[in-house]
Amino acid sequence: MTSADTHAMDVRDPELPGRLLTTERDALIPLLRSRPENDFELRTACPGWTVRHVMAHCGAALMRVVESRFEEGVFSPESNDRDIAERDDWSVDRIVDELERGMSEAGPAIAKAGGVLDAVALGEWVHAGDVREAFGEPGAYAGEGLPYALTLLARYSRKRGLPPLHADLDDVDEPLRLGDVSGERPPARYIGDAATLVRLCAGRPLVGTRYELAGVKEGELNLFG
């Protein structure tokens, strides 16, 4: 890979996180509004969190971005738990309303932040996958937002200093390069579908998936661990 190729991969599109959020909003919010209230008590892949907890966390995080509320320790596990607890007495409709507003309005604020909040949009998209997984919906970590999510995933993997990884995706035309792209280290190799790669990088369960991974351990690819 040439230095020009690497530079092109790292050029930030400031509108991309917002596009990912609104694309996912249009798929997720109707799904949430169609489900009975007891479905929000289903457990998710996030330890200790139900669908309701995940949605409360997502809405709170996005509204912090919209309202520029970034006190010390924000987005830490303790801060996330406090946000969820503050919404314990909210109705499901109110939680979904806040989430819809956050997904609609956070994009411009993320764009202006220069890249430091781009991972918030990626995390919200992954959590939408957690919800679909809990509901038993197909395509949990895929859908129309997948191309945007893969771009953010690649950029964030470099920011986090993940080992270099060359991913040949069964369902995407071009290979994806994650982690260190300097060429100083030989890349590991992934062969499989894009949704399973997302699961690997997000530390989500891999039961029932098929893929090949060589040159790196699964845990080394976890972006959110």
Protein backbone atom coordinates (compact mmCIF):
# COMPACT_ATOMS: atom_id res chain seq x y z
CA MET A 1 0.00 0.00 0.00
CA THR A 2 1.42 3.38 -0.94
CA SER A 3 1.49 6.44 1.32
CA ALA A 4 -1.10 8.03 -0.98
CA ASP A 5 -3.43 5.06 -0.46
CA THR A 6 -3.01 5.31 3.29
CA HIS A 7 -3.73 9.04 3.24
CA ALA A 8 -6.88 8.50 1.20
CA MET A 9 -8.11 5.93 3.69
CA ASP A 10 -7.64 8.39 6.56
CA VAL A 11 -9.37 11.40 4.96
CA ARG A 12 -12.36 12.15 7.15
CA ASP A 13 -15.81 12.77 5.74
CA PRO A 14 -17.39 14.89 8.51
CA GLU A 15 -20.92 14.10 7.34
CA LEU A 16 -20.46 10.33 7.40
CA PRO A 17 -21.34 9.74 11.09
CA GLY A 18 -24.56 11.71 10.66
CA ARG A 19 -25.48 9.70 7.57
CA LEU A 20 -24.91 6.50 9.48
CA LEU A 21 -27.15 7.68 12.32
CA THR A 22 -30.03 8.84 10.16
CA THR A 23 -29.86 5.73 7.98
CA GLU A 24 -30.02 3.57 11.08
CA ARG A 25 -32.77 5.75 12.58
CA ASP A 26 -35.00 5.07 9.59
CA ALA A 27 -34.59 1.32 10.09
CA LEU A 28 -34.51 1.05 13.88
CA ILE A 29 -37.17 3.45 15.14
CA PRO A 30 -40.07 1.82 13.22
CA LEU A 31 -38.86 -1.57 14.49
CA LEU A 32 -38.84 -0.33 18.09
CA ARG A 33 -42.29 1.20 17.79
CA SER A 34 -43.68 -2.06 16.38
CA ARG A 35 -42.57 -4.23 19.31
CA PRO A 36 -44.62 -4.95 22.44
CA GLU A 37 -43.39 -3.34 25.62
CA ASN A 38 -42.26 -6.60 27.21
CA ASP A 39 -39.74 -7.08 24.37
CA PHE A 40 -37.75 -4.20 25.85
CA GLU A 41 -36.95 -6.42 28.82
CA LEU A 42 -35.10 -8.93 26.62
CA ARG A 43 -31.43 -9.36 27.46
CA THR A 44 -28.82 -8.16 24.98
CA ALA A 45 -25.19 -9.03 24.25
CA CYS A 46 -24.17 -6.19 26.59
CA PRO A 47 -23.70 -7.77 30.05
CA GLY A 48 -26.46 -6.73 32.43
CA TRP A 49 -28.32 -4.63 29.88
CA THR A 50 -31.77 -5.23 28.46
CA VAL A 51 -33.03 -3.68 25.23
CA ARG A 52 -34.50 -0.88 27.34
CA HIS A 53 -31.10 -0.22 28.96
CA VAL A 54 -29.35 -0.14 25.59
CA MET A 55 -31.89 2.30 24.13
CA ALA A 56 -31.75 4.51 27.22
CA HIS A 57 -27.96 4.60 27.01
CA CYS A 58 -27.99 5.38 23.29
CA GLY A 59 -30.51 8.19 23.59
CA ALA A 60 -28.68 9.72 26.54
CA ALA A 61 -25.30 9.56 24.81
CA LEU A 62 -26.61 11.20 21.65
CA MET A 63 -28.38 13.97 23.55
CA ARG A 64 -25.14 14.69 25.40
CA VAL A 65 -23.58 15.21 21.99
CA VAL A 66 -26.45 17.38 20.77
CA GLU A 67 -26.38 19.53 23.93
CA SER A 68 -22.56 19.52 24.36
CA ARG A 69 -22.73 18.06 27.87
CA PHE A 70 -19.32 16.49 28.39
CA GLU A 71 -18.54 16.61 32.09
CA GLU A 72 -15.56 14.71 33.49
CA GLY A 73 -15.95 10.96 33.12
CA VAL A 74 -18.65 11.16 30.46
CA PHE A 75 -19.18 7.91 28.49
CA SER A 76 -17.47 5.90 31.24
CA PRO A 77 -19.29 2.80 32.49
CA GLU A 78 -20.28 4.71 35.63
CA SER A 79 -21.62 7.64 33.62
CA ASN A 80 -23.54 5.29 31.34
CA ASP A 81 -25.12 3.54 34.33
CA ARG A 82 -26.19 6.89 35.80
CA ASP A 83 -27.79 7.92 32.50
CA ILE A 84 -29.74 4.67 32.41
CA ALA A 85 -30.80 4.99 36.05
CA GLU A 86 -32.07 8.52 35.43
CA ARG A 87 -34.49 7.05 32.87
CA ASP A 88 -35.81 4.23 35.05
CA ASP A 89 -39.23 5.84 35.39
CA TRP A 90 -39.52 6.86 31.74
CA SER A 91 -42.03 5.16 29.51
CA VAL A 92 -40.74 3.11 26.58
CA ASP A 93 -42.26 5.67 24.21
CA ARG A 94 -40.30 8.48 25.87
CA ILE A 95 -37.06 6.53 25.62
CA VAL A 96 -37.65 5.85 21.92
CA ASP A 97 -38.61 9.50 21.34
CA GLU A 98 -35.31 10.67 22.86
CA LEU A 99 -33.38 8.16 20.81
CA GLU A 100 -35.08 9.27 17.60
CA ARG A 101 -34.28 12.90 18.35
CA GLY A 102 -30.66 12.08 19.14
CA MET A 103 -30.19 10.08 15.95
CA SER A 104 -31.73 12.94 13.96
CA GLU A 105 -29.79 15.81 15.53
CA ALA A 106 -26.37 14.51 16.60
CA GLY A 107 -24.80 14.41 13.12
CA PRO A 108 -23.96 18.13 12.79
CA ALA A 109 -22.42 18.23 16.27
CA ILE A 110 -20.29 15.16 15.51
CA ALA A 111 -19.22 16.71 12.20
CA LYS A 112 -18.03 19.88 13.94
CA ALA A 113 -16.07 17.96 16.57
CA GLY A 114 -13.25 17.15 14.13
CA GLY A 115 -13.35 13.39 14.53
CA VAL A 116 -13.23 12.92 18.30
CA LEU A 117 -16.91 11.93 18.42
CA ASP A 118 -17.09 9.82 15.25
CA ALA A 119 -16.88 6.64 17.31
CA VAL A 120 -20.11 7.62 19.08
CA ALA A 121 -22.01 7.11 15.82
CA LEU A 122 -20.28 3.78 15.25
CA GLY A 123 -21.11 2.65 18.78
CA GLU A 124 -24.76 3.62 18.38
CA TRP A 125 -24.95 1.60 15.17
CA VAL A 126 -23.44 -1.44 16.89
CA HIS A 127 -25.96 -1.09 19.71
CA ALA A 128 -28.76 -1.07 17.14
CA GLY A 129 -27.37 -4.42 16.05
CA ASP A 130 -27.46 -5.60 19.67
CA VAL A 131 -31.16 -4.76 19.77
CA ARG A 132 -31.94 -6.54 16.51
CA GLU A 133 -30.02 -9.56 17.79
CA ALA A 134 -32.06 -9.58 21.01
CA PHE A 135 -35.28 -9.36 18.99
CA GLY A 136 -34.20 -12.23 16.75
CA GLU A 137 -34.24 -9.98 13.69
CA PRO A 138 -32.06 -10.93 10.69
CA GLY A 139 -29.03 -8.88 9.70
CA ALA A 140 -28.22 -7.74 13.22
CA TYR A 141 -24.94 -6.01 12.34
CA ALA A 142 -25.61 -5.25 8.70
CA GLY A 143 -28.27 -3.31 6.83
CA GLU A 144 -28.12 -0.14 4.75
CA GLY A 145 -25.74 1.59 7.14
CA LEU A 146 -23.07 -1.12 6.85
CA PRO A 147 -20.88 0.67 4.24
CA TYR A 148 -20.76 3.81 6.42
CA ALA A 149 -20.07 1.73 9.52
CA LEU A 150 -17.19 -0.15 7.86
CA THR A 151 -15.54 3.14 6.90
CA LEU A 152 -15.77 4.39 10.48
CA LEU A 153 -14.64 1.01 11.77
CA ALA A 154 -11.50 1.12 9.65
CA ARG A 155 -10.63 4.67 10.70
CA TYR A 156 -11.31 4.00 14.39
CA SER A 157 -9.22 0.82 14.29
CA ARG A 158 -6.24 2.88 13.17
CA LYS A 159 -6.87 5.47 15.87
CA ARG A 160 -6.96 2.72 18.48
CA GLY A 161 -3.75 1.18 17.12
CA LEU A 162 -5.14 -2.25 16.35
CA PRO A 163 -2.84 -4.78 14.68
CA PRO A 164 -2.90 -4.57 10.87
CA LEU A 165 -5.64 -6.71 9.37
CA HIS A 166 -6.52 -7.42 5.74
CA ALA A 167 -10.18 -8.40 5.57
CA ASP A 168 -11.52 -10.16 2.49
CA LEU A 169 -15.28 -9.77 2.90
CA ASP A 170 -17.64 -12.24 1.27
CA ASP A 171 -20.34 -9.60 0.80
CA VAL A 172 -18.29 -6.47 0.03
CA ASP A 173 -16.45 -5.95 -3.24
CA GLU A 174 -13.30 -4.28 -1.93
CA PRO A 175 -11.10 -5.67 0.87
CA LEU A 176 -10.99 -3.69 4.09
CA ARG A 177 -7.77 -2.74 5.83
CA LEU A 178 -7.94 -2.25 9.56
CA GLY A 179 -5.44 -1.18 12.18
CA ASP A 180 -1.85 -0.16 11.49
CA VAL A 181 -1.50 0.44 7.74
CA SER A 182 2.09 1.70 7.82
CA GLY A 183 3.38 -1.53 6.28
CA GLU A 184 5.89 -2.02 9.08
CA ARG A 185 4.06 -5.12 10.29
CA PRO A 186 2.69 -7.94 8.13
CA PRO A 187 -1.10 -7.85 8.20
CA ALA A 188 -3.22 -10.56 9.74
CA ARG A 189 -5.93 -12.02 7.52
CA TYR A 190 -9.70 -12.29 7.90
CA ILE A 191 -12.01 -14.11 5.50
CA GLY A 192 -15.74 -14.00 6.16
CA ASP A 193 -18.74 -11.73 6.02
CA ALA A 194 -18.82 -8.11 7.11
CA ALA A 195 -21.28 -8.57 9.97
CA THR A 196 -19.03 -11.17 11.59
CA LEU A 197 -16.07 -8.81 11.29
CA VAL A 198 -18.16 -6.19 13.10
CA ARG A 199 -18.89 -8.73 15.83
CA LEU A 200 -15.16 -9.43 16.19
CA CYS A 201 -14.23 -5.77 16.42
CA ALA A 202 -17.09 -4.93 18.79
CA GLY A 203 -16.51 -7.88 21.10
CA ARG A 204 -19.93 -9.40 20.36
CA PRO A 205 -20.79 -13.11 20.55
CA LEU A 206 -19.58 -15.21 17.63
CA VAL A 207 -21.77 -18.27 18.17
CA GLY A 208 -23.07 -19.58 14.85
CA THR A 209 -20.65 -17.59 12.70
CA ARG A 210 -18.10 -18.87 10.20
CA TYR A 211 -14.86 -17.12 9.38
CA GLU A 212 -11.12 -17.58 9.01
CA LEU A 213 -8.67 -15.53 11.08
CA ALA A 214 -4.91 -15.89 10.90
CA GLY A 215 -2.06 -13.90 12.39
CA VAL A 216 -3.99 -12.28 15.25
CA LYS A 217 -6.08 -13.37 18.22
CA GLU A 218 -9.77 -12.48 18.40
CA GLY A 219 -9.34 -10.38 21.54
CA GLU A 220 -6.74 -8.17 19.85
CA LEU A 221 -9.40 -6.87 17.46
CA ASN A 222 -11.85 -5.64 20.13
CA LEU A 223 -12.22 -1.88 19.65
CA PHE A 224 -14.47 -1.30 22.63
CA GLY A 225 -12.90 -3.57 25.21
